[in-house]
Amino acid sequence: MGNAPSRKPNRLENHDYAQPGTYFITICSKGHQQLFGTIALGSGRQNAAPTSLMKLSPIGRIVEAEIMRLSRTYEGVYVDCYVVMPNHVHMIIVIRNIHGRQDASPTISQMMNQWKRAASIKAGSSIWQKSFHDHIIRNQVRYNLIVQYIACNPEIWEKDIYFMGPGRPYIAPSDRPIL
């Protein structure tokens, strides 16, 4: 059993993920299957908004509806921006400081686990890979870059690290951050 690979910790050590902050979250579908819809590549719509390129599947619509519920489910938490891609979701989640609150906020991990569970139940099967990727956004420059990346993600789908197409199977990205 000593030869089993050890799993790299996903979260920043000693960081309280229930504290106010801004987090860039990426969650992938199970097996990187394209469950959430398709992107109309080569549509010729040069002035189309990036989100109009993504055609959500029924499961993709469930995922998007659950994203919308996140801001209503947790007090002081809101989804600032997001994009549902064919096999992954990006979102920026903001935890605000609510004065006078007695209860501790749920952590990002607790929120994501509950969110993934709710979407899977509504979809009728497990649709997510284990865990998720997160990046703590610490300044406005980084925030602006990530918002731009999320907004443009459908336009650059064929260059995305999660893209799987003819002759291009999914290859896990290295330990480098997406941005």
C-alpha atoms as a PDB file:
ATOM      1  CA  MET A   1       0.000   0.000   0.000  1.00  0.00           C
ATOM      2  CA  GLY A   2       3.001   2.326   0.375  1.00  0.00           C
ATOM      3  CA  ASN A   3       3.246   2.655  -3.426  1.00  0.00           C
ATOM      4  CA  ALA A   4      -0.169   4.300  -3.825  1.00  0.00           C
ATOM      5  CA  PRO A   5       0.109   7.820  -5.237  1.00  0.00           C
ATOM      6  CA  SER A   6      -0.567  10.537  -2.701  1.00  0.00           C
ATOM      7  CA  ARG A   7      -3.202  13.089  -3.578  1.00  0.00           C
ATOM      8  CA  LYS A   8      -2.064  16.704  -3.627  1.00  0.00           C
ATOM      9  CA  PRO A   9      -4.119  18.858  -1.236  1.00  0.00           C
ATOM     10  CA  ASN A  10      -6.569  21.011  -3.194  1.00  0.00           C
ATOM     11  CA  ARG A  11      -6.966  23.823  -0.703  1.00  0.00           C
ATOM     12  CA  LEU A  12      -4.538  26.444   0.568  1.00  0.00           C
ATOM     13  CA  GLU A  13      -3.196  25.320   3.924  1.00  0.00           C
ATOM     14  CA  ASN A  14      -4.297  27.426   6.916  1.00  0.00           C
ATOM     15  CA  HIS A  15      -6.817  29.456   4.873  1.00  0.00           C
ATOM     16  CA  ASP A  16     -10.338  29.726   6.298  1.00  0.00           C
ATOM     17  CA  TYR A  17     -12.584  29.203   3.283  1.00  0.00           C
ATOM     18  CA  ALA A  18     -15.622  30.444   5.233  1.00  0.00           C
ATOM     19  CA  GLN A  19     -14.141  33.920   5.669  1.00  0.00           C
ATOM     20  CA  PRO A  20     -15.061  36.838   3.402  1.00  0.00           C
ATOM     21  CA  GLY A  21     -13.209  36.660   0.110  1.00  0.00           C
ATOM     22  CA  THR A  22     -13.475  36.251  -3.640  1.00  0.00           C
ATOM     23  CA  TYR A  23     -12.908  32.799  -5.103  1.00  0.00           C
ATOM     24  CA  PHE A  24     -12.491  31.570  -8.694  1.00  0.00           C
ATOM     25  CA  ILE A  25     -13.981  28.072  -8.865  1.00  0.00           C
ATOM     26  CA  THR A  26     -13.717  25.492 -11.661  1.00  0.00           C
ATOM     27  CA  ILE A  27     -15.738  22.293 -11.497  1.00  0.00           C
ATOM     28  CA  CYS A  28     -15.446  19.557 -14.128  1.00  0.00           C
ATOM     29  CA  SER A  29     -17.943  16.964 -15.256  1.00  0.00           C
ATOM     30  CA  LYS A  30     -17.346  13.325 -14.387  1.00  0.00           C
ATOM     31  CA  GLY A  31     -14.840  11.918 -16.865  1.00  0.00           C
ATOM     32  CA  HIS A  32     -14.810  15.322 -18.596  1.00  0.00           C
ATOM     33  CA  GLN A  33     -17.887  14.237 -20.539  1.00  0.00           C
ATOM     34  CA  GLN A  34     -19.583  17.008 -22.498  1.00  0.00           C
ATOM     35  CA  LEU A  35     -22.804  16.825 -20.480  1.00  0.00           C
ATOM     36  CA  PHE A  36     -23.730  20.483 -20.234  1.00  0.00           C
ATOM     37  CA  GLY A  37     -24.210  21.399 -23.890  1.00  0.00           C
ATOM     38  CA  THR A  38     -22.351  22.364 -27.032  1.00  0.00           C
ATOM     39  CA  ILE A  39     -20.654  25.437 -28.397  1.00  0.00           C
ATOM     40  CA  ALA A  40     -21.624  26.672 -31.846  1.00  0.00           C
ATOM     41  CA  LEU A  41     -18.127  26.927 -33.270  1.00  0.00           C
ATOM     42  CA  GLY A  42     -17.756  28.521 -36.661  1.00  0.00           C
ATOM     43  CA  SER A  43     -21.253  29.976 -36.528  1.00  0.00           C
ATOM     44  CA  GLY A  44     -20.131  33.089 -38.373  1.00  0.00           C
ATOM     45  CA  ARG A  45     -21.769  35.301 -35.745  1.00  0.00           C
ATOM     46  CA  GLN A  46     -18.847  37.687 -35.348  1.00  0.00           C
ATOM     47  CA  ASN A  47     -20.668  40.114 -33.063  1.00  0.00           C
ATOM     48  CA  ALA A  48     -22.463  37.476 -31.000  1.00  0.00           C
ATOM     49  CA  ALA A  49     -22.088  37.625 -27.254  1.00  0.00           C
ATOM     50  CA  PRO A  50     -19.861  34.770 -26.014  1.00  0.00           C
ATOM     51  CA  THR A  51     -22.667  33.255 -23.935  1.00  0.00           C
ATOM     52  CA  SER A  52     -24.828  32.946 -27.056  1.00  0.00           C
ATOM     53  CA  LEU A  53     -22.288  30.486 -28.425  1.00  0.00           C
ATOM     54  CA  MET A  54     -23.129  27.940 -25.690  1.00  0.00           C
ATOM     55  CA  LYS A  55     -26.277  25.885 -26.210  1.00  0.00           C
ATOM     56  CA  LEU A  56     -27.160  24.305 -22.866  1.00  0.00           C
ATOM     57  CA  SER A  57     -28.396  20.731 -22.688  1.00  0.00           C
ATOM     58  CA  PRO A  58     -31.137  19.791 -20.184  1.00  0.00           C
ATOM     59  CA  ILE A  59     -28.376  18.940 -17.679  1.00  0.00           C
ATOM     60  CA  GLY A  60     -26.663  22.253 -18.488  1.00  0.00           C
ATOM     61  CA  ARG A  61     -29.898  24.084 -17.693  1.00  0.00           C
ATOM     62  CA  ILE A  62     -30.063  22.261 -14.349  1.00  0.00           C
ATOM     63  CA  VAL A  63     -26.468  23.291 -13.601  1.00  0.00           C
ATOM     64  CA  GLU A  64     -27.208  26.926 -14.484  1.00  0.00           C
ATOM     65  CA  ALA A  65     -30.369  26.940 -12.335  1.00  0.00           C
ATOM     66  CA  GLU A  66     -28.351  25.612  -9.386  1.00  0.00           C
ATOM     67  CA  ILE A  67     -25.757  28.361  -9.910  1.00  0.00           C
ATOM     68  CA  MET A  68     -28.584  30.908  -9.649  1.00  0.00           C
ATOM     69  CA  ARG A  69     -29.783  29.256  -6.411  1.00  0.00           C
ATOM     70  CA  LEU A  70     -26.362  29.604  -4.738  1.00  0.00           C
ATOM     71  CA  SER A  71     -26.825  33.332  -4.132  1.00  0.00           C
ATOM     72  CA  ARG A  72     -30.263  32.727  -2.601  1.00  0.00           C
ATOM     73  CA  THR A  73     -29.209  29.742  -0.500  1.00  0.00           C
ATOM     74  CA  TYR A  74     -26.373  31.244   1.521  1.00  0.00           C
ATOM     75  CA  GLU A  75     -26.642  34.613   3.260  1.00  0.00           C
ATOM     76  CA  GLY A  76     -23.753  36.892   2.346  1.00  0.00           C
ATOM     77  CA  VAL A  77     -22.693  34.712  -0.598  1.00  0.00           C
ATOM     78  CA  TYR A  78     -23.213  35.547  -4.236  1.00  0.00           C
ATOM     79  CA  VAL A  79     -22.051  34.337  -7.616  1.00  0.00           C
ATOM     80  CA  ASP A  80     -20.456  37.345  -9.281  1.00  0.00           C
ATOM     81  CA  CYS A  81     -20.079  35.808 -12.754  1.00  0.00           C
ATOM     82  CA  TYR A  82     -20.053  32.343 -14.287  1.00  0.00           C
ATOM     83  CA  VAL A  83     -19.995  30.342 -17.479  1.00  0.00           C
ATOM     84  CA  VAL A  84     -21.282  26.833 -18.098  1.00  0.00           C
ATOM     85  CA  MET A  85     -19.051  25.115 -20.652  1.00  0.00           C
ATOM     86  CA  PRO A  86     -19.632  21.701 -22.294  1.00  0.00           C
ATOM     87  CA  ASN A  87     -17.671  19.805 -19.618  1.00  0.00           C
ATOM     88  CA  HIS A  88     -16.900  22.312 -16.860  1.00  0.00           C
ATOM     89  CA  VAL A  89     -18.162  25.363 -15.019  1.00  0.00           C
ATOM     90  CA  HIS A  90     -16.261  28.491 -14.007  1.00  0.00           C
ATOM     91  CA  MET A  91     -17.627  30.901 -11.435  1.00  0.00           C
ATOM     92  CA  ILE A  92     -16.515  33.651  -9.124  1.00  0.00           C
ATOM     93  CA  ILE A  93     -18.049  33.293  -5.680  1.00  0.00           C
ATOM     94  CA  VAL A  94     -17.912  36.183  -3.235  1.00  0.00           C
ATOM     95  CA  ILE A  95     -18.383  35.739   0.501  1.00  0.00           C
ATOM     96  CA  ARG A  96     -19.253  39.067   2.126  1.00  0.00           C
ATOM     97  CA  ASN A  97     -18.928  39.940   5.787  1.00  0.00           C
ATOM     98  CA  ILE A  98     -22.419  40.079   7.294  1.00  0.00           C
ATOM     99  CA  HIS A  99     -22.285  42.041  10.542  1.00  0.00           C
ATOM    100  CA  GLY A 100     -24.030  40.548  13.537  1.00  0.00           C
ATOM    101  CA  ARG A 101     -24.279  37.036  12.121  1.00  0.00           C
ATOM    102  CA  GLN A 102     -24.127  34.428  14.854  1.00  0.00           C
ATOM    103  CA  ASP A 103     -23.750  31.343  12.675  1.00  0.00           C
ATOM    104  CA  ALA A 104     -20.501  30.476  10.960  1.00  0.00           C
ATOM    105  CA  SER A 105     -20.603  30.625   7.174  1.00  0.00           C
ATOM    106  CA  PRO A 106     -20.269  27.376   5.291  1.00  0.00           C
ATOM    107  CA  THR A 107     -16.905  26.888   3.648  1.00  0.00           C
ATOM    108  CA  ILE A 108     -16.449  27.019  -0.121  1.00  0.00           C
ATOM    109  CA  SER A 109     -15.999  23.218  -0.017  1.00  0.00           C
ATOM    110  CA  GLN A 110     -19.283  22.724   1.847  1.00  0.00           C
ATOM    111  CA  MET A 111     -21.123  25.009  -0.575  1.00  0.00           C
ATOM    112  CA  MET A 112     -19.661  23.278  -3.642  1.00  0.00           C
ATOM    113  CA  ASN A 113     -20.387  19.798  -2.288  1.00  0.00           C
ATOM    114  CA  GLN A 114     -24.023  20.730  -1.558  1.00  0.00           C
ATOM    115  CA  TRP A 115     -24.328  22.458  -4.945  1.00  0.00           C
ATOM    116  CA  LYS A 116     -22.878  19.487  -6.834  1.00  0.00           C
ATOM    117  CA  ARG A 117     -25.143  17.092  -4.918  1.00  0.00           C
ATOM    118  CA  ALA A 118     -28.275  19.152  -5.708  1.00  0.00           C
ATOM    119  CA  ALA A 119     -27.415  19.333  -9.424  1.00  0.00           C
ATOM    120  CA  SER A 120     -26.662  15.587  -9.569  1.00  0.00           C
ATOM    121  CA  ILE A 121     -29.945  14.702  -7.843  1.00  0.00           C
ATOM    122  CA  LYS A 122     -31.911  16.843 -10.299  1.00  0.00           C
ATOM    123  CA  ALA A 123     -29.943  15.392 -13.238  1.00  0.00           C
ATOM    124  CA  GLY A 124     -30.682  11.867 -12.033  1.00  0.00           C
ATOM    125  CA  SER A 125     -27.062  10.713 -11.774  1.00  0.00           C
ATOM    126  CA  SER A 126     -23.644  11.736 -10.556  1.00  0.00           C
ATOM    127  CA  ILE A 127     -22.351  14.313 -13.046  1.00  0.00           C
ATOM    128  CA  TRP A 128     -19.239  15.727 -11.334  1.00  0.00           C
ATOM    129  CA  GLN A 129     -15.633  14.728 -10.896  1.00  0.00           C
ATOM    130  CA  LYS A 130     -14.369  14.558  -7.348  1.00  0.00           C
ATOM    131  CA  SER A 131     -13.534  17.923  -5.750  1.00  0.00           C
ATOM    132  CA  PHE A 132     -12.988  21.190  -7.649  1.00  0.00           C
ATOM    133  CA  HIS A 133     -10.276  23.742  -8.391  1.00  0.00           C
ATOM    134  CA  ASP A 134     -10.158  27.061  -6.580  1.00  0.00           C
ATOM    135  CA  HIS A 135      -8.090  30.205  -6.706  1.00  0.00           C
ATOM    136  CA  ILE A 136      -8.340  32.968  -4.105  1.00  0.00           C
ATOM    137  CA  ILE A 137      -8.603  36.296  -5.925  1.00  0.00           C
ATOM    138  CA  ARG A 138      -6.544  38.772  -3.949  1.00  0.00           C
ATOM    139  CA  ASN A 139      -6.544  41.944  -6.071  1.00  0.00           C
ATOM    140  CA  GLN A 140      -8.461  43.871  -8.720  1.00  0.00           C
ATOM    141  CA  VAL A 141      -6.006  43.117 -11.543  1.00  0.00           C
ATOM    142  CA  ARG A 142      -6.381  39.370 -10.998  1.00  0.00           C
ATOM    143  CA  TYR A 143     -10.152  39.741 -10.672  1.00  0.00           C
ATOM    144  CA  ASN A 144     -10.366  41.612 -13.999  1.00  0.00           C
ATOM    145  CA  LEU A 145      -8.276  38.947 -15.774  1.00  0.00           C
ATOM    146  CA  ILE A 146     -10.470  36.144 -14.440  1.00  0.00           C
ATOM    147  CA  VAL A 147     -13.728  37.926 -15.345  1.00  0.00           C
ATOM    148  CA  GLN A 148     -12.392  38.401 -18.888  1.00  0.00           C
ATOM    149  CA  TYR A 149     -11.353  34.736 -19.060  1.00  0.00           C
ATOM    150  CA  ILE A 150     -14.827  33.594 -17.950  1.00  0.00           C
ATOM    151  CA  ALA A 151     -16.564  35.927 -20.422  1.00  0.00           C
ATOM    152  CA  CYS A 152     -14.394  34.793 -23.358  1.00  0.00           C
ATOM    153  CA  ASN A 153     -14.200  31.082 -22.500  1.00  0.00           C
ATOM    154  CA  PRO A 154     -16.836  29.986 -25.075  1.00  0.00           C
ATOM    155  CA  GLU A 155     -15.032  31.920 -27.834  1.00  0.00           C
ATOM    156  CA  ILE A 156     -11.761  30.096 -27.178  1.00  0.00           C
ATOM    157  CA  TRP A 157     -13.289  26.679 -26.505  1.00  0.00           C
ATOM    158  CA  GLU A 158     -11.099  24.818 -29.015  1.00  0.00           C
ATOM    159  CA  LYS A 159      -7.981  26.178 -27.245  1.00  0.00           C
ATOM    160  CA  ASP A 160      -9.314  25.496 -23.725  1.00  0.00           C
ATOM    161  CA  ILE A 161      -7.368  23.040 -21.565  1.00  0.00           C
ATOM    162  CA  TYR A 162     -10.609  21.105 -21.005  1.00  0.00           C
ATOM    163  CA  PHE A 163     -11.517  20.870 -24.711  1.00  0.00           C
ATOM    164  CA  MET A 164     -11.939  17.362 -26.054  1.00  0.00           C
ATOM    165  CA  GLY A 165     -12.495  17.042 -29.753  1.00  0.00           C
ATOM    166  CA  PRO A 166     -11.664  14.839 -32.720  1.00  0.00           C
ATOM    167  CA  GLY A 167      -8.132  13.598 -32.269  1.00  0.00           C
ATOM    168  CA  ARG A 168      -7.741  15.464 -28.985  1.00  0.00           C
ATOM    169  CA  PRO A 169      -8.563  13.403 -25.898  1.00  0.00           C
ATOM    170  CA  TYR A 170      -8.611  15.151 -22.554  1.00  0.00           C
ATOM    171  CA  ILE A 171      -5.155  15.539 -21.033  1.00  0.00           C
ATOM    172  CA  ALA A 172      -5.094  16.722 -17.435  1.00  0.00           C
ATOM    173  CA  PRO A 173      -3.468  20.146 -17.095  1.00  0.00           C
ATOM    174  CA  SER A 174      -0.279  20.445 -15.092  1.00  0.00           C
ATOM    175  CA  ASP A 175      -0.334  21.912 -11.614  1.00  0.00           C
ATOM    176  CA  ARG A 176      -0.164  25.416 -13.059  1.00  0.00           C
ATOM    177  CA  PRO A 177      -3.145  27.729 -12.501  1.00  0.00           C
ATOM    178  CA  ILE A 178      -5.507  28.281 -15.429  1.00  0.00           C
ATOM    179  CA  LEU A 179      -4.570  31.958 -15.607  1.00  0.00           C
END
